[in-house]
N, C-alpha and C. Protein backbone atom coordinates (compact mmCIF):
# COMPACT_ATOMS: atom_id res chain seq x y z
N UNK A 1 39.08 -12.54 82.38
CA UNK A 1 37.96 -11.45 82.81
C UNK A 1 37.87 -10.42 80.61
N UNK A 2 37.19 -10.03 81.12
CA UNK A 2 36.78 -9.08 80.15
C UNK A 2 37.92 -8.48 79.59
N UNK A 3 39.03 -8.32 80.28
CA UNK A 3 39.80 -6.57 80.14
C UNK A 3 41.35 -7.69 80.16
N UNK A 4 41.37 -8.73 79.68
CA UNK A 4 42.06 -9.91 79.64
C UNK A 4 42.75 -9.57 77.71
N UNK A 5 44.18 -9.58 77.49
CA UNK A 5 44.51 -9.40 76.10
C UNK A 5 43.93 -10.06 74.65
N UNK A 6 43.31 -11.44 75.30
CA UNK A 6 41.79 -11.66 74.24
C UNK A 6 40.62 -11.68 74.27
N UNK A 7 40.67 -10.63 75.11
CA UNK A 7 39.17 -10.74 75.56
C UNK A 7 38.68 -9.76 73.80
N UNK A 8 36.76 -9.95 74.62
CA UNK A 8 36.52 -8.64 72.84
C UNK A 8 35.89 -7.76 73.33
N UNK A 9 36.17 -7.33 74.02
CA UNK A 9 35.93 -5.69 74.73
C UNK A 9 36.29 -4.96 75.43
N UNK A 10 36.65 -3.65 75.93
CA UNK A 10 38.32 -3.22 77.03
C UNK A 10 36.42 -3.72 77.70
N UNK A 11 37.51 -3.41 79.20
CA UNK A 11 37.58 -3.64 80.80
C UNK A 11 36.48 -2.70 80.91
N UNK A 12 35.52 -3.30 81.72
CA UNK A 12 34.51 -2.09 82.63
C UNK A 12 35.18 -1.82 84.12
N UNK A 13 34.94 -0.71 84.10
CA UNK A 13 35.62 -0.48 85.45
C UNK A 13 34.70 -0.09 86.22
N UNK A 14 34.27 -0.35 87.04
CA UNK A 14 33.09 0.12 87.87
C UNK A 14 33.45 1.16 89.18
N UNK A 15 32.76 2.42 88.67
CA UNK A 15 33.32 2.70 89.85
C UNK A 15 31.56 3.12 91.20
N UNK A 16 32.46 4.00 91.96
CA UNK A 16 31.06 4.09 93.03
C UNK A 16 31.90 3.22 94.15
N UNK A 17 31.39 3.75 95.75
CA UNK A 17 31.16 1.85 97.10
C UNK A 17 30.53 1.99 97.36
N UNK A 18 29.12 2.65 96.78
CA UNK A 18 27.90 2.01 97.37
C UNK A 18 27.35 0.46 97.30
N UNK A 19 27.11 0.32 97.83
CA UNK A 19 26.21 -1.80 98.50
C UNK A 19 25.59 -2.44 96.17
N UNK A 20 25.15 -1.70 95.82
CA UNK A 20 25.27 -1.79 94.14
C UNK A 20 26.17 -1.47 93.45
N UNK A 21 27.05 -0.56 93.68
CA UNK A 21 28.31 -1.02 92.87
C UNK A 21 29.74 -1.64 93.32
N UNK A 22 29.58 -2.02 94.32
CA UNK A 22 30.34 -2.86 94.95
C UNK A 22 29.77 -4.48 94.36
N UNK A 23 28.73 -4.77 94.01
CA UNK A 23 27.75 -5.44 94.05
C UNK A 23 28.16 -5.67 92.42
N UNK A 24 28.55 -4.72 91.38
CA UNK A 24 28.07 -5.03 90.47
C UNK A 24 29.70 -4.76 89.56
N UNK A 25 30.62 -4.39 90.64
CA UNK A 25 31.75 -4.58 90.33
C UNK A 25 32.43 -6.13 90.14
N UNK A 26 31.58 -7.08 91.61
CA UNK A 26 31.95 -8.24 91.82
C UNK A 26 31.21 -9.42 91.05
N UNK A 27 30.04 -8.68 90.35
CA UNK A 27 29.05 -9.90 89.76
C UNK A 27 29.73 -9.91 88.25
N UNK A 28 29.66 -7.94 87.67
CA UNK A 28 29.94 -8.65 86.29
C UNK A 28 31.44 -7.64 85.60
N UNK A 29 31.88 -6.48 86.30
CA UNK A 29 32.69 -5.93 86.17
C UNK A 29 34.17 -6.27 85.95
N UNK A 30 35.36 -5.97 85.26
CA UNK A 30 36.22 -6.14 84.83
C UNK A 30 37.59 -5.83 85.71
N UNK A 31 37.19 -4.64 86.82
CA UNK A 31 37.94 -3.62 87.44
C UNK A 31 37.16 -2.97 88.76
N UNK A 32 37.52 -2.05 89.29
CA UNK A 32 36.81 -1.44 89.90
C UNK A 32 37.37 -0.31 90.20
N UNK A 33 36.64 1.07 90.02
CA UNK A 33 37.87 2.44 90.77
C UNK A 33 36.95 3.46 91.34
N UNK A 34 37.25 3.47 92.84
CA UNK A 34 37.02 3.71 93.83
C UNK A 34 38.15 5.41 93.82
N UNK A 35 37.21 6.40 94.05
CA UNK A 35 38.00 7.52 94.01
C UNK A 35 38.61 7.70 95.71
N UNK A 36 39.81 8.13 95.86
CA UNK A 36 40.40 8.49 96.73
C UNK A 36 40.41 9.29 97.53
N UNK A 37 39.52 9.19 98.47
CA UNK A 37 38.71 10.71 99.39
C UNK A 37 39.76 10.15 101.01
N UNK A 38 39.36 8.62 100.36
CA UNK A 38 39.08 8.11 102.41
C UNK A 38 39.76 6.67 102.32
N UNK A 39 41.28 6.33 102.31
CA UNK A 39 41.96 5.38 101.95
C UNK A 39 41.29 3.99 103.11
N UNK A 40 40.65 4.64 104.46
CA UNK A 40 40.81 3.27 105.14
C UNK A 40 39.36 2.58 104.99
N UNK A 41 38.31 4.18 104.43
CA UNK A 41 36.51 3.51 103.73
C UNK A 41 37.36 2.22 102.74
N UNK A 42 38.42 2.69 101.44
CA UNK A 42 38.60 2.36 100.53
C UNK A 42 38.91 1.18 100.84
N UNK A 43 39.67 0.22 101.83
CA UNK A 43 39.84 -0.97 102.25
C UNK A 43 38.72 -1.67 102.88
N UNK A 44 37.68 -1.08 103.30
CA UNK A 44 37.32 -1.20 103.85
C UNK A 44 36.48 -2.46 103.10
N UNK A 45 36.37 -1.21 102.15
CA UNK A 45 35.02 -1.70 100.64
C UNK A 45 35.80 -2.75 99.59
N UNK A 46 37.41 -2.15 99.99
CA UNK A 46 37.76 -3.80 98.98
C UNK A 46 37.40 -4.77 99.86
N UNK A 47 37.62 -4.53 101.35
CA UNK A 47 37.43 -6.31 101.49
C UNK A 47 35.84 -6.93 101.48
N UNK A 48 35.07 -6.20 101.41
CA UNK A 48 33.30 -6.16 100.59
C UNK A 48 33.68 -6.76 99.58
N UNK A 49 34.00 -6.17 98.82
CA UNK A 49 33.99 -6.41 96.98
C UNK A 49 35.20 -7.67 96.91
N UNK A 50 35.81 -8.32 97.81
CA UNK A 50 36.72 -9.04 97.33
C UNK A 50 35.63 -10.33 97.91
N UNK A 51 34.99 -9.80 99.00
CA UNK A 51 34.10 -11.34 100.16
C UNK A 51 33.01 -11.34 98.54
N UNK A 52 32.84 -10.42 97.73
CA UNK A 52 31.44 -10.47 97.04
C UNK A 52 31.88 -10.56 95.89
N UNK A 53 32.94 -10.87 95.62
CA UNK A 53 33.49 -11.85 94.18
C UNK A 53 34.09 -12.93 94.48
N UNK A 54 34.25 -13.78 95.60
CA UNK A 54 34.37 -15.28 95.89
C UNK A 54 32.80 -15.52 95.86
N UNK A 55 31.95 -15.20 96.84
CA UNK A 55 30.21 -15.91 96.58
C UNK A 55 29.98 -15.48 94.88
N UNK A 56 30.19 -14.90 94.30
CA UNK A 56 30.31 -14.76 92.52
C UNK A 56 30.65 -15.63 91.71
N UNK A 57 31.12 -16.41 92.39
CA UNK A 57 31.90 -17.34 91.98
C UNK A 57 33.56 -17.29 90.54
N UNK A 58 33.29 -15.58 91.20
CA UNK A 58 35.08 -15.39 90.43
C UNK A 58 35.61 -14.45 90.84
N UNK A 59 37.32 -14.86 90.22
CA UNK A 59 38.29 -13.73 91.17
C UNK A 59 37.57 -12.33 90.89
N UNK A 60 38.25 -11.83 92.36
CA UNK A 60 38.14 -10.06 92.51
C UNK A 60 38.50 -9.31 91.31
N UNK A 61 37.97 -8.09 90.91
CA UNK A 61 38.70 -7.26 89.57
C UNK A 61 39.90 -6.93 90.15
N UNK A 62 40.21 -5.60 89.30
CA UNK A 62 41.39 -4.99 89.50
C UNK A 62 40.81 -3.85 90.42
N UNK A 63 41.96 -3.03 90.91
CA UNK A 63 41.12 -1.81 90.87
C UNK A 63 42.39 -0.78 90.67
N UNK A 64 41.62 0.23 91.15
CA UNK A 64 42.30 1.73 89.43
C UNK A 64 41.70 1.71 90.62
N UNK A 65 42.89 2.78 91.50
CA UNK A 65 42.03 4.61 92.30
C UNK A 65 42.06 5.84 91.57
N UNK A 66 41.49 6.49 91.66
CA UNK A 66 41.43 7.43 90.84
C UNK A 66 41.28 8.88 92.16
N UNK A 67 42.93 9.72 92.02
CA UNK A 67 43.25 10.60 92.98
C UNK A 67 42.79 11.86 92.30
N UNK A 68 42.56 13.08 92.77
CA UNK A 68 43.01 14.25 91.76
C UNK A 68 44.01 14.97 92.45
N UNK A 69 45.08 14.84 93.67
CA UNK A 69 45.83 14.60 93.24
C UNK A 69 47.46 14.41 93.55
N UNK A 70 48.64 14.49 93.55
CA UNK A 70 49.87 13.34 93.52
C UNK A 70 50.30 13.88 95.03
N UNK A 71 49.93 12.37 95.27
CA UNK A 71 50.37 11.83 96.54
C UNK A 71 50.60 10.77 97.01
N UNK A 72 52.10 10.93 97.23
CA UNK A 72 53.55 9.80 97.09
C UNK A 72 52.59 8.67 98.18
N UNK A 73 52.19 8.94 99.10
CA UNK A 73 52.00 8.29 100.36
C UNK A 73 50.57 7.70 99.92
N UNK A 74 49.85 8.10 99.17
CA UNK A 74 48.61 7.75 98.74
C UNK A 74 49.20 6.27 98.04
N UNK A 75 49.76 6.87 97.42
CA UNK A 75 50.30 5.68 95.93
C UNK A 75 50.72 4.83 96.58
N UNK A 76 51.11 4.90 97.33
CA UNK A 76 52.25 3.97 98.32
C UNK A 76 51.39 2.41 98.87
N UNK A 77 50.64 3.08 99.79
CA UNK A 77 49.27 2.62 100.37
C UNK A 77 48.43 1.54 99.45
N UNK A 78 47.87 2.31 98.27
CA UNK A 78 47.44 1.94 96.80
C UNK A 78 48.37 0.26 96.80
N UNK A 79 49.48 0.37 96.53
CA UNK A 79 50.08 -0.30 96.27
C UNK A 79 50.63 -0.86 97.07
N UNK A 80 50.27 -1.23 97.95
CA UNK A 80 50.06 -1.91 99.87
C UNK A 80 48.78 -2.84 99.88
N UNK A 81 47.65 -1.93 99.41
CA UNK A 81 46.70 -2.98 99.36
C UNK A 81 46.24 -3.37 98.26
N UNK A 82 46.97 -3.70 96.88
CA UNK A 82 47.37 -4.62 95.93
C UNK A 82 46.19 -3.39 94.58
N UNK A 83 46.40 -2.59 94.29
CA UNK A 83 46.26 -2.13 93.49
C UNK A 83 46.39 -1.98 92.11
N UNK A 84 46.11 -2.23 91.37
CA UNK A 84 46.59 -2.54 90.05
C UNK A 84 47.08 -1.04 89.86
N UNK A 85 46.67 -0.53 89.32
CA UNK A 85 47.27 1.12 89.08
C UNK A 85 46.19 3.00 89.40
N UNK A 86 46.63 3.27 89.43
CA UNK A 86 46.00 5.21 90.67
C UNK A 86 46.44 5.76 88.92
N UNK A 87 44.90 6.91 89.07
CA UNK A 87 45.24 7.57 88.08
C UNK A 87 44.64 8.91 88.89
N UNK A 88 45.78 9.33 87.94
CA UNK A 88 45.97 11.35 88.78
C UNK A 88 45.40 11.85 88.12
N UNK A 89 44.38 12.82 88.12
CA UNK A 89 44.19 13.71 87.50
C UNK A 89 45.18 14.62 86.83
N UNK A 90 45.25 14.58 85.87
CA UNK A 90 46.76 16.34 85.91
C UNK A 90 46.46 17.56 85.81
N UNK A 91 47.22 18.26 85.54
CA UNK A 91 46.35 19.65 85.04
C UNK A 91 47.35 19.86 83.35
N UNK A 92 45.59 20.74 83.02
CA UNK A 92 45.95 20.46 81.87
C UNK A 92 45.58 21.58 81.15
N UNK A 93 45.61 23.05 82.04
CA UNK A 93 46.02 24.74 81.66
C UNK A 93 46.62 25.00 80.27
N UNK A 94 47.61 24.12 80.24
CA UNK A 94 49.06 24.30 79.26
C UNK A 94 50.24 23.39 79.12
N UNK A 95 50.79 23.42 78.73
CA UNK A 95 52.27 23.11 78.31
C UNK A 95 52.70 23.22 79.44
N UNK A 96 53.36 24.34 79.52
CA UNK A 96 54.17 24.27 80.84
C UNK A 96 53.82 24.17 82.30
N UNK A 97 52.88 23.93 82.74
CA UNK A 97 51.88 23.57 83.76
C UNK A 97 52.21 22.07 83.88
N UNK A 98 51.42 21.54 82.55
CA UNK A 98 51.72 19.87 82.62
C UNK A 98 52.79 18.73 82.55
N UNK A 99 53.91 19.40 82.20
CA UNK A 99 55.17 18.98 81.40
C UNK A 99 56.29 18.24 83.13
N UNK A 100 55.83 19.77 84.27
CA UNK A 100 56.33 19.72 85.18
C UNK A 100 55.76 18.22 85.82
N UNK A 101 54.47 18.15 86.11
CA UNK A 101 53.57 17.93 86.39
C UNK A 101 53.43 15.69 85.76
N UNK A 102 54.29 15.65 84.66
CA UNK A 102 53.84 14.29 84.56
C UNK A 102 55.56 14.21 85.13
N UNK A 103 56.69 15.19 85.03
CA UNK A 103 57.70 14.94 85.86
C UNK A 103 57.59 14.00 87.60
N UNK A 104 57.67 14.90 87.75
CA UNK A 104 56.62 14.31 88.88
C UNK A 104 55.58 13.11 89.73
N UNK A 105 55.18 12.98 88.31
CA UNK A 105 54.21 11.21 88.25
C UNK A 105 55.38 9.99 88.16
N UNK A 106 56.32 10.78 86.96
CA UNK A 106 56.77 9.94 86.71
C UNK A 106 58.21 8.99 88.04
N UNK A 107 58.74 10.18 88.75
CA UNK A 107 59.55 9.95 90.06
C UNK A 107 59.07 9.16 91.05
N UNK A 108 57.57 9.91 91.46
CA UNK A 108 57.11 9.09 92.45
C UNK A 108 56.45 7.54 92.20
N UNK A 109 56.31 7.31 90.81
CA UNK A 109 55.96 6.02 90.36
C UNK A 109 57.21 5.27 90.33
N UNK A 110 58.33 5.69 90.21
CA UNK A 110 59.40 5.09 90.54
C UNK A 110 59.85 5.14 91.65
N UNK A 111 59.48 6.27 92.47
CA UNK A 111 59.86 5.19 94.11
C UNK A 111 58.93 4.41 94.34
N UNK A 112 58.04 4.50 93.82
CA UNK A 112 56.31 3.91 94.37
C UNK A 112 56.75 2.35 93.89
N UNK A 113 56.79 2.19 92.82
CA UNK A 113 57.44 0.98 92.51
C UNK A 113 58.47 -0.16 93.19
N UNK A 114 59.08 0.53 93.21
CA UNK A 114 60.26 0.00 94.12
C UNK A 114 60.16 -0.50 95.39
């Protein structure tokens, strides 16, 4: 896929979870990036994406979840579903807020990744 180490372009992550977005991710995207508001719904869309990828003759794209809060249960469920990574929006008001957040992220990642 385009995002492999030997590729000529950065990976293309397709966001959205509607039919057109899933088709684009399956047919020409390197990855899919859903917003993690309802993980049961995302799991259903992931199954559709995998089917569309097979029908397109392509391997399924990588999955990067996007969330607005650090939730260890959510991250664990994403790992179970086969997500390659999750992006957690960080508070960037100041370093005094950011540093403890990054420490919590690192601790959560080590627990979820075990």
